[in-house]
Amino acid sequence: MSDLDPAAAPPAAATRRARARDHSPWNWLLFVPILVPLITPLFNFDTPRLLGFPGFYWLQLAFIVLGVGTTTLVYRMTKRKG
């Protein structure tokens, strides 16, 4: 049997049900780390400086922490039990 055998493909109904279960309201939080860096007035400044770095640079690191934290939260809240 080859990998392209249509008999080996999962039924369409089962695939639709699996996709329907993936819709969780927690997934909307994933837009936060996408939209927040697009608000340019947040990082359009030079001061305050942190360890000699302008605000733009350490705020970019804060956006990374925001993205990792949001993704971790959504993963933990939508993880299937068992």
C-alpha atoms as a PDB file:
ATOM      1  CA  MET A   1       0.000   0.000   0.000  1.00  0.00           C
ATOM      2  CA  SER A   2       1.213   3.479  -0.759  1.00  0.00           C
ATOM      3  CA  ASP A   3       0.876   6.633   1.319  1.00  0.00           C
ATOM      4  CA  LEU A   4      -1.547   8.028  -1.251  1.00  0.00           C
ATOM      5  CA  ASP A   5      -4.070   5.217  -0.821  1.00  0.00           C
ATOM      6  CA  PRO A   6      -7.534   6.837  -0.479  1.00  0.00           C
ATOM      7  CA  ALA A   7      -8.721   3.973   1.723  1.00  0.00           C
ATOM      8  CA  ALA A   8      -6.106   4.923   4.326  1.00  0.00           C
ATOM      9  CA  ALA A   9      -7.316   8.539   4.549  1.00  0.00           C
ATOM     10  CA  PRO A  10      -9.429   9.470   7.593  1.00  0.00           C
ATOM     11  CA  PRO A  11     -13.130  10.026   6.968  1.00  0.00           C
ATOM     12  CA  ALA A  12     -14.141  13.610   6.276  1.00  0.00           C
ATOM     13  CA  ALA A  13     -16.627  13.695   9.154  1.00  0.00           C
ATOM     14  CA  ALA A  14     -13.942  12.769  11.698  1.00  0.00           C
ATOM     15  CA  THR A  15     -11.640  15.462  10.315  1.00  0.00           C
ATOM     16  CA  ARG A  16     -14.384  18.081  10.571  1.00  0.00           C
ATOM     17  CA  ARG A  17     -15.146  17.092  14.167  1.00  0.00           C
ATOM     18  CA  ALA A  18     -11.457  17.325  15.098  1.00  0.00           C
ATOM     19  CA  ARG A  19     -11.209  20.819  13.609  1.00  0.00           C
ATOM     20  CA  ALA A  20     -14.426  21.909  15.345  1.00  0.00           C
ATOM     21  CA  ARG A  21     -12.968  20.982  18.741  1.00  0.00           C
ATOM     22  CA  ASP A  22      -9.978  23.256  18.159  1.00  0.00           C
ATOM     23  CA  HIS A  23     -12.096  26.410  18.355  1.00  0.00           C
ATOM     24  CA  SER A  24     -11.534  27.730  21.849  1.00  0.00           C
ATOM     25  CA  PRO A  25     -12.111  31.295  23.041  1.00  0.00           C
ATOM     26  CA  TRP A  26      -8.582  31.182  24.494  1.00  0.00           C
ATOM     27  CA  ASN A  27      -7.204  31.211  20.947  1.00  0.00           C
ATOM     28  CA  TRP A  28      -8.277  34.859  20.595  1.00  0.00           C
ATOM     29  CA  LEU A  29      -5.503  35.797  23.023  1.00  0.00           C
ATOM     30  CA  LEU A  30      -2.970  34.872  20.349  1.00  0.00           C
ATOM     31  CA  PHE A  31      -3.816  38.151  18.606  1.00  0.00           C
ATOM     32  CA  VAL A  32      -2.376  40.145  21.536  1.00  0.00           C
ATOM     33  CA  PRO A  33       1.332  39.559  20.727  1.00  0.00           C
ATOM     34  CA  ILE A  34       0.585  40.296  17.077  1.00  0.00           C
ATOM     35  CA  LEU A  35      -1.327  43.533  17.600  1.00  0.00           C
ATOM     36  CA  VAL A  36       0.573  45.121  20.503  1.00  0.00           C
ATOM     37  CA  PRO A  37       3.858  45.601  18.548  1.00  0.00           C
ATOM     38  CA  LEU A  38       1.843  47.305  15.805  1.00  0.00           C
ATOM     39  CA  ILE A  39       0.971  50.164  18.179  1.00  0.00           C
ATOM     40  CA  THR A  40       3.990  52.283  17.258  1.00  0.00           C
ATOM     41  CA  PRO A  41       3.533  55.054  19.871  1.00  0.00           C
ATOM     42  CA  LEU A  42       4.422  52.423  22.482  1.00  0.00           C
ATOM     43  CA  PHE A  43       8.029  52.255  21.338  1.00  0.00           C
ATOM     44  CA  ASN A  44       8.582  55.587  19.582  1.00  0.00           C
ATOM     45  CA  PHE A  45      10.892  57.003  22.255  1.00  0.00           C
ATOM     46  CA  ASP A  46      14.533  57.083  23.297  1.00  0.00           C
ATOM     47  CA  THR A  47      14.175  57.431  27.043  1.00  0.00           C
ATOM     48  CA  PRO A  48      13.996  55.873  29.578  1.00  0.00           C
ATOM     49  CA  ARG A  49      17.152  53.855  29.133  1.00  0.00           C
ATOM     50  CA  LEU A  50      17.627  50.497  30.792  1.00  0.00           C
ATOM     51  CA  LEU A  51      21.261  49.414  31.229  1.00  0.00           C
ATOM     52  CA  GLY A  52      22.221  51.973  28.579  1.00  0.00           C
ATOM     53  CA  PHE A  53      19.828  50.620  25.960  1.00  0.00           C
ATOM     54  CA  PRO A  54      17.117  52.917  24.545  1.00  0.00           C
ATOM     55  CA  GLY A  55      13.508  52.078  25.267  1.00  0.00           C
ATOM     56  CA  PHE A  56      12.960  50.721  21.768  1.00  0.00           C
ATOM     57  CA  TYR A  57      15.358  47.806  22.301  1.00  0.00           C
ATOM     58  CA  TRP A  58      14.210  46.649  25.709  1.00  0.00           C
ATOM     59  CA  LEU A  59      10.592  47.034  24.669  1.00  0.00           C
ATOM     60  CA  GLN A  60      11.251  44.651  21.772  1.00  0.00           C
ATOM     61  CA  LEU A  61      12.485  42.116  24.330  1.00  0.00           C
ATOM     62  CA  ALA A  62       9.330  42.747  26.354  1.00  0.00           C
ATOM     63  CA  PHE A  63       7.264  41.945  23.240  1.00  0.00           C
ATOM     64  CA  ILE A  64       9.065  38.609  22.985  1.00  0.00           C
ATOM     65  CA  VAL A  65       8.253  37.843  26.623  1.00  0.00           C
ATOM     66  CA  LEU A  66       4.627  38.857  25.965  1.00  0.00           C
ATOM     67  CA  GLY A  67       4.449  36.484  22.991  1.00  0.00           C
ATOM     68  CA  VAL A  68       5.973  33.555  24.860  1.00  0.00           C
ATOM     69  CA  GLY A  69       3.755  34.134  27.889  1.00  0.00           C
ATOM     70  CA  THR A  70       0.586  34.432  25.827  1.00  0.00           C
ATOM     71  CA  THR A  71       1.386  31.337  23.781  1.00  0.00           C
ATOM     72  CA  THR A  72       2.149  29.342  26.936  1.00  0.00           C
ATOM     73  CA  LEU A  73      -1.093  30.450  28.576  1.00  0.00           C
ATOM     74  CA  VAL A  74      -3.200  29.562  25.529  1.00  0.00           C
ATOM     75  CA  TYR A  75      -1.456  26.183  25.207  1.00  0.00           C
ATOM     76  CA  ARG A  76      -2.071  25.293  28.831  1.00  0.00           C
ATOM     77  CA  MET A  77      -5.708  26.400  28.751  1.00  0.00           C
ATOM     78  CA  THR A  78      -6.527  24.542  25.529  1.00  0.00           C
ATOM     79  CA  LYS A  79      -4.499  21.375  26.151  1.00  0.00           C
ATOM     80  CA  ARG A  80      -6.675  18.296  26.037  1.00  0.00           C
ATOM     81  CA  LYS A  81      -6.847  16.438  29.322  1.00  0.00           C
ATOM     82  CA  GLY A  82      -5.992  12.753  29.210  1.00  0.00           C
END
